[in-house]
Amino acid sequence: MFDYDTAMADPASRIFTNVSQASNSDVQSEYDYMYDDFGTQVYDDDLVMKVVFKKRKISNGCLTTLTFAKYVMIDNYAELIDDIGIEYQDYSFAIEGKEYLQKKLEGALDRE
């Protein structure tokens, strides 16, 4: 007879593939707000650049505009521009790391 509780408690069991007792993503996700879009850790006294891009394309006779923002440390600004393209940059400005961390923790950056 199948023992459900034993199978759930066994981390090596292949029956429940989506159950893991030690998940690294759960441990790190608590502090994910401390990183910019390039994965660099942000501290209170750092400068973070908000870079807004606009990409336009014409398809089926309609002009479609995609606007999005990226937040990167000032050290990664040039790399971001190289990756996406300076021709798509609309505007950019710097914010303090303390403000960035507060907004990211509150989820305000996701609503922009």
N, C-alpha and C. Protein backbone atom coordinates (compact mmCIF):
# COMPACT_ATOMS: atom_id res chain seq x y z
N MET A 1 0.84 -1.17 0.00
CA MET A 1 0.00 0.00 0.00
C MET A 1 0.89 1.25 0.00
N PHE A 2 0.48 2.27 -0.72
CA PHE A 2 1.25 3.51 -0.86
C PHE A 2 1.13 4.35 0.39
N ASP A 3 2.28 4.76 0.96
CA ASP A 3 2.28 5.62 2.16
C ASP A 3 2.60 7.05 1.72
N TYR A 4 1.59 7.85 1.63
CA TYR A 4 1.69 9.23 1.15
C TYR A 4 2.63 10.06 2.02
N ASP A 5 2.50 9.98 3.35
CA ASP A 5 3.31 10.78 4.27
C ASP A 5 4.79 10.45 4.15
N THR A 6 5.10 9.18 4.01
CA THR A 6 6.49 8.77 3.88
C THR A 6 7.07 9.28 2.56
N ALA A 7 6.30 9.19 1.51
CA ALA A 7 6.76 9.67 0.20
C ALA A 7 6.99 11.18 0.21
N MET A 8 6.13 11.91 0.88
CA MET A 8 6.30 13.38 0.97
C MET A 8 7.52 13.75 1.80
N ALA A 9 7.81 12.99 2.84
CA ALA A 9 8.92 13.29 3.73
C ALA A 9 10.27 12.91 3.14
N ASP A 10 10.28 12.04 2.16
CA ASP A 10 11.52 11.56 1.57
C ASP A 10 11.98 12.53 0.46
N PRO A 11 13.07 13.31 0.69
CA PRO A 11 13.53 14.27 -0.32
C PRO A 11 14.09 13.60 -1.58
N ALA A 12 14.45 12.33 -1.48
CA ALA A 12 14.99 11.62 -2.64
C ALA A 12 13.90 10.94 -3.46
N SER A 13 12.66 11.04 -3.01
CA SER A 13 11.55 10.41 -3.71
C SER A 13 11.34 11.05 -5.07
N ARG A 14 11.14 10.25 -6.08
CA ARG A 14 10.92 10.75 -7.44
C ARG A 14 9.43 10.89 -7.75
N ILE A 15 8.58 10.59 -6.82
CA ILE A 15 7.14 10.66 -7.05
C ILE A 15 6.66 12.10 -7.09
N PHE A 16 7.10 12.92 -6.14
CA PHE A 16 6.70 14.32 -6.06
C PHE A 16 7.88 15.18 -6.51
N THR A 17 7.94 15.48 -7.78
CA THR A 17 9.09 16.19 -8.32
C THR A 17 9.08 17.68 -8.00
N ASN A 18 7.94 18.24 -7.63
CA ASN A 18 7.88 19.68 -7.35
C ASN A 18 8.07 19.99 -5.87
N VAL A 19 8.34 19.00 -5.04
CA VAL A 19 8.54 19.21 -3.61
C VAL A 19 10.02 19.12 -3.31
N SER A 20 10.54 20.16 -2.70
CA SER A 20 11.95 20.18 -2.32
C SER A 20 12.06 20.79 -0.94
N GLN A 21 12.77 20.14 -0.04
CA GLN A 21 12.86 20.65 1.31
C GLN A 21 13.85 21.79 1.43
N ALA A 22 14.88 21.79 0.64
CA ALA A 22 15.90 22.84 0.69
C ALA A 22 15.91 23.57 -0.64
N SER A 23 15.15 24.62 -0.72
CA SER A 23 15.07 25.38 -1.96
C SER A 23 15.90 26.65 -1.83
N ASN A 24 16.90 26.80 -2.69
CA ASN A 24 17.74 27.99 -2.65
C ASN A 24 16.99 29.23 -3.07
N SER A 25 16.00 29.09 -3.94
CA SER A 25 15.27 30.27 -4.41
C SER A 25 14.45 30.88 -3.27
N ASP A 26 13.96 30.08 -2.33
CA ASP A 26 13.21 30.62 -1.20
C ASP A 26 14.10 31.44 -0.28
N VAL A 27 15.32 30.98 -0.09
CA VAL A 27 16.24 31.68 0.79
C VAL A 27 16.66 33.01 0.17
N GLN A 28 16.97 33.01 -1.11
CA GLN A 28 17.45 34.21 -1.76
C GLN A 28 16.33 35.19 -2.09
N SER A 29 15.11 34.68 -2.31
CA SER A 29 14.03 35.55 -2.74
C SER A 29 13.68 36.60 -1.68
N GLU A 30 13.99 36.33 -0.43
CA GLU A 30 13.73 37.30 0.63
C GLU A 30 14.55 38.58 0.43
N TYR A 31 15.71 38.47 -0.20
CA TYR A 31 16.60 39.60 -0.38
C TYR A 31 16.77 40.00 -1.84
N ASP A 32 15.88 39.55 -2.71
CA ASP A 32 15.98 39.88 -4.14
C ASP A 32 15.86 41.38 -4.40
N TYR A 33 15.19 42.09 -3.52
CA TYR A 33 15.01 43.53 -3.72
C TYR A 33 16.32 44.29 -3.66
N MET A 34 17.37 43.69 -3.16
CA MET A 34 18.65 44.37 -2.98
C MET A 34 19.50 44.38 -4.24
N TYR A 35 18.98 43.87 -5.35
CA TYR A 35 19.77 43.76 -6.57
C TYR A 35 19.13 44.56 -7.70
N ASP A 36 19.98 45.12 -8.57
CA ASP A 36 19.47 45.84 -9.73
C ASP A 36 19.15 44.84 -10.85
N ASP A 37 18.80 45.34 -12.01
CA ASP A 37 18.41 44.47 -13.13
C ASP A 37 19.57 43.67 -13.71
N PHE A 38 20.79 44.03 -13.39
CA PHE A 38 21.97 43.27 -13.83
C PHE A 38 22.47 42.32 -12.75
N GLY A 39 21.82 42.28 -11.60
CA GLY A 39 22.21 41.38 -10.53
C GLY A 39 23.29 41.93 -9.61
N THR A 40 23.58 43.22 -9.69
CA THR A 40 24.57 43.85 -8.82
C THR A 40 23.89 44.30 -7.55
N GLN A 41 24.52 44.03 -6.42
CA GLN A 41 23.92 44.40 -5.15
C GLN A 41 23.96 45.92 -4.96
N VAL A 42 22.84 46.47 -4.49
CA VAL A 42 22.69 47.90 -4.30
C VAL A 42 22.73 48.22 -2.81
N TYR A 43 23.53 49.22 -2.46
CA TYR A 43 23.62 49.70 -1.07
C TYR A 43 23.00 51.09 -0.97
N ASP A 44 22.74 51.53 0.24
CA ASP A 44 22.07 52.81 0.47
C ASP A 44 22.78 54.00 -0.16
N ASP A 45 24.11 53.98 -0.18
CA ASP A 45 24.85 55.14 -0.67
C ASP A 45 25.23 55.05 -2.16
N ASP A 46 24.73 54.04 -2.87
CA ASP A 46 25.00 53.90 -4.30
C ASP A 46 24.07 54.78 -5.12
N LEU A 47 24.44 54.97 -6.38
CA LEU A 47 23.57 55.64 -7.34
C LEU A 47 23.04 54.61 -8.32
N VAL A 48 21.74 54.64 -8.53
CA VAL A 48 21.09 53.72 -9.45
C VAL A 48 20.48 54.53 -10.58
N MET A 49 20.75 54.13 -11.80
CA MET A 49 20.21 54.82 -12.96
C MET A 49 18.90 54.17 -13.38
N LYS A 50 17.89 55.01 -13.55
CA LYS A 50 16.64 54.56 -14.18
C LYS A 50 16.75 54.97 -15.64
N VAL A 51 16.76 53.98 -16.51
CA VAL A 51 16.89 54.23 -17.94
C VAL A 51 15.60 53.77 -18.61
N VAL A 52 14.95 54.69 -19.30
CA VAL A 52 13.70 54.38 -19.98
C VAL A 52 13.97 54.26 -21.48
N PHE A 53 13.49 53.18 -22.05
CA PHE A 53 13.67 52.90 -23.47
C PHE A 53 12.31 52.90 -24.17
N LYS A 54 12.31 53.31 -25.42
CA LYS A 54 11.13 53.23 -26.27
C LYS A 54 11.53 52.56 -27.57
N LYS A 55 10.88 51.47 -27.86
CA LYS A 55 11.11 50.77 -29.13
C LYS A 55 9.83 50.88 -29.94
N ARG A 56 9.97 51.33 -31.17
CA ARG A 56 8.82 51.48 -32.06
C ARG A 56 9.00 50.57 -33.27
N LYS A 57 7.89 49.99 -33.70
CA LYS A 57 7.94 49.21 -34.93
C LYS A 57 6.58 49.28 -35.61
N ILE A 58 6.60 49.12 -36.91
CA ILE A 58 5.38 49.15 -37.70
C ILE A 58 5.09 47.72 -38.14
N SER A 59 3.90 47.26 -37.78
CA SER A 59 3.47 45.94 -38.23
C SER A 59 2.00 46.01 -38.61
N ASN A 60 1.70 45.50 -39.77
CA ASN A 60 0.33 45.51 -40.30
C ASN A 60 -0.24 46.92 -40.39
N GLY A 61 0.60 47.87 -40.72
CA GLY A 61 0.15 49.25 -40.87
C GLY A 61 -0.09 50.00 -39.57
N CYS A 62 0.26 49.40 -38.44
CA CYS A 62 0.07 50.05 -37.14
C CYS A 62 1.43 50.30 -36.49
N LEU A 63 1.56 51.46 -35.88
CA LEU A 63 2.77 51.79 -35.14
C LEU A 63 2.61 51.30 -33.70
N THR A 64 3.50 50.45 -33.28
CA THR A 64 3.48 49.90 -31.93
C THR A 64 4.67 50.46 -31.17
N THR A 65 4.41 50.99 -29.98
CA THR A 65 5.48 51.53 -29.14
C THR A 65 5.55 50.72 -27.86
N LEU A 66 6.73 50.22 -27.57
CA LEU A 66 6.99 49.48 -26.34
C LEU A 66 7.89 50.34 -25.47
N THR A 67 7.39 50.71 -24.29
CA THR A 67 8.16 51.53 -23.35
C THR A 67 8.47 50.69 -22.12
N PHE A 68 9.73 50.67 -21.72
CA PHE A 68 10.13 49.92 -20.54
C PHE A 68 11.30 50.61 -19.87
N ALA A 69 11.47 50.31 -18.59
CA ALA A 69 12.56 50.91 -17.81
C ALA A 69 13.45 49.82 -17.24
N LYS A 70 14.70 50.14 -17.11
CA LYS A 70 15.68 49.27 -16.47
C LYS A 70 16.37 50.07 -15.38
N TYR A 71 16.64 49.43 -14.27
CA TYR A 71 17.36 50.04 -13.16
C TYR A 71 18.70 49.35 -13.02
N VAL A 72 19.78 50.12 -13.16
CA VAL A 72 21.13 49.55 -13.06
C VAL A 72 22.01 50.49 -12.25
N MET A 73 23.02 49.90 -11.66
CA MET A 73 24.03 50.71 -10.97
C MET A 73 24.71 51.59 -12.01
N ILE A 74 25.22 52.71 -11.57
CA ILE A 74 25.85 53.66 -12.49
C ILE A 74 27.04 53.03 -13.20
N ASP A 75 27.68 52.04 -12.57
CA ASP A 75 28.81 51.33 -13.19
C ASP A 75 28.35 50.47 -14.37
N ASN A 76 27.11 50.01 -14.36
CA ASN A 76 26.59 49.13 -15.42
C ASN A 76 25.82 49.90 -16.50
N TYR A 77 25.78 51.21 -16.39
CA TYR A 77 24.99 52.03 -17.31
C TYR A 77 25.45 51.86 -18.77
N ALA A 78 26.75 51.94 -19.00
CA ALA A 78 27.28 51.82 -20.36
C ALA A 78 27.01 50.44 -20.94
N GLU A 79 27.11 49.41 -20.12
CA GLU A 79 26.84 48.05 -20.59
C GLU A 79 25.37 47.88 -20.98
N LEU A 80 24.47 48.48 -20.21
CA LEU A 80 23.04 48.42 -20.53
C LEU A 80 22.75 49.10 -21.86
N ILE A 81 23.33 50.28 -22.04
CA ILE A 81 23.13 51.01 -23.29
C ILE A 81 23.67 50.21 -24.47
N ASP A 82 24.81 49.56 -24.30
CA ASP A 82 25.37 48.73 -25.37
C ASP A 82 24.48 47.53 -25.67
N ASP A 83 23.89 46.93 -24.64
CA ASP A 83 23.05 45.75 -24.82
C ASP A 83 21.75 46.07 -25.57
N ILE A 84 21.08 47.15 -25.18
CA ILE A 84 19.76 47.45 -25.76
C ILE A 84 19.89 48.37 -26.97
N GLY A 85 20.78 49.33 -26.90
CA GLY A 85 20.99 50.25 -28.02
C GLY A 85 20.65 51.68 -27.62
N ILE A 86 21.57 52.58 -27.87
CA ILE A 86 21.38 53.97 -27.49
C ILE A 86 20.26 54.62 -28.30
N GLU A 87 19.99 54.10 -29.47
CA GLU A 87 18.94 54.68 -30.30
C GLU A 87 17.54 54.50 -29.69
N TYR A 88 17.41 53.55 -28.76
CA TYR A 88 16.12 53.31 -28.11
C TYR A 88 15.97 54.05 -26.78
N GLN A 89 17.05 54.65 -26.30
CA GLN A 89 16.99 55.34 -25.01
C GLN A 89 16.13 56.59 -25.12
N ASP A 90 15.16 56.72 -24.22
CA ASP A 90 14.29 57.89 -24.20
C ASP A 90 14.85 58.92 -23.22
N TYR A 91 15.05 58.51 -21.97
CA TYR A 91 15.66 59.39 -20.98
C TYR A 91 16.20 58.54 -19.84
N SER A 92 17.00 59.15 -18.99
CA SER A 92 17.54 58.46 -17.83
C SER A 92 17.85 59.47 -16.74
N PHE A 93 17.80 59.00 -15.51
CA PHE A 93 18.18 59.83 -14.38
C PHE A 93 18.62 58.94 -13.23
N ALA A 94 19.36 59.52 -12.32
CA ALA A 94 19.91 58.77 -11.19
C ALA A 94 19.04 58.96 -9.95
N ILE A 95 18.90 57.89 -9.18
CA ILE A 95 18.25 57.98 -7.87
C ILE A 95 19.20 57.37 -6.85
N GLU A 96 19.02 57.74 -5.61
CA GLU A 96 19.86 57.21 -4.54
C GLU A 96 19.52 55.76 -4.29
N GLY A 97 20.51 55.02 -3.86
CA GLY A 97 20.30 53.61 -3.57
C GLY A 97 19.27 53.39 -2.49
N LYS A 98 19.24 54.26 -1.51
CA LYS A 98 18.27 54.14 -0.41
C LYS A 98 16.84 54.24 -0.95
N GLU A 99 16.61 55.20 -1.85
CA GLU A 99 15.28 55.38 -2.44
C GLU A 99 14.92 54.17 -3.32
N TYR A 100 15.88 53.69 -4.10
CA TYR A 100 15.66 52.53 -4.96
C TYR A 100 15.27 51.31 -4.13
N LEU A 101 16.01 51.06 -3.07
CA LEU A 101 15.72 49.88 -2.23
C LEU A 101 14.35 49.99 -1.58
N GLN A 102 13.99 51.19 -1.13
CA GLN A 102 12.69 51.37 -0.51
C GLN A 102 11.56 51.12 -1.51
N LYS A 103 11.69 51.69 -2.71
CA LYS A 103 10.66 51.51 -3.74
C LYS A 103 10.57 50.06 -4.19
N LYS A 104 11.71 49.40 -4.31
CA LYS A 104 11.72 48.01 -4.76
C LYS A 104 11.09 47.10 -3.69
N LEU A 105 11.37 47.39 -2.44
CA LEU A 105 10.80 46.61 -1.35
C LEU A 105 9.28 46.78 -1.29
N GLU A 106 8.80 47.98 -1.55
CA GLU A 106 7.36 48.25 -1.53
C GLU A 106 6.67 47.77 -2.79
N GLY A 107 7.42 47.46 -3.84
CA GLY A 107 6.83 47.04 -5.11
C GLY A 107 6.43 48.20 -6.00
N ALA A 108 6.86 49.41 -5.66
CA ALA A 108 6.49 50.58 -6.45
C ALA A 108 7.12 50.58 -7.83
N LEU A 109 8.28 49.96 -7.98
CA LEU A 109 8.95 49.94 -9.29
C LEU A 109 8.22 49.03 -10.27
N ASP A 110 7.51 48.03 -9.77
CA ASP A 110 6.76 47.13 -10.64
C ASP A 110 5.52 47.81 -11.21
N ARG A 111 5.04 48.83 -10.55
CA ARG A 111 3.83 49.51 -11.00
C ARG A 111 4.12 50.68 -11.93
N GLU A 112 5.39 51.03 -12.11
CA GLU A 112 5.74 52.17 -12.98
C GLU A 112 5.64 51.78 -14.44
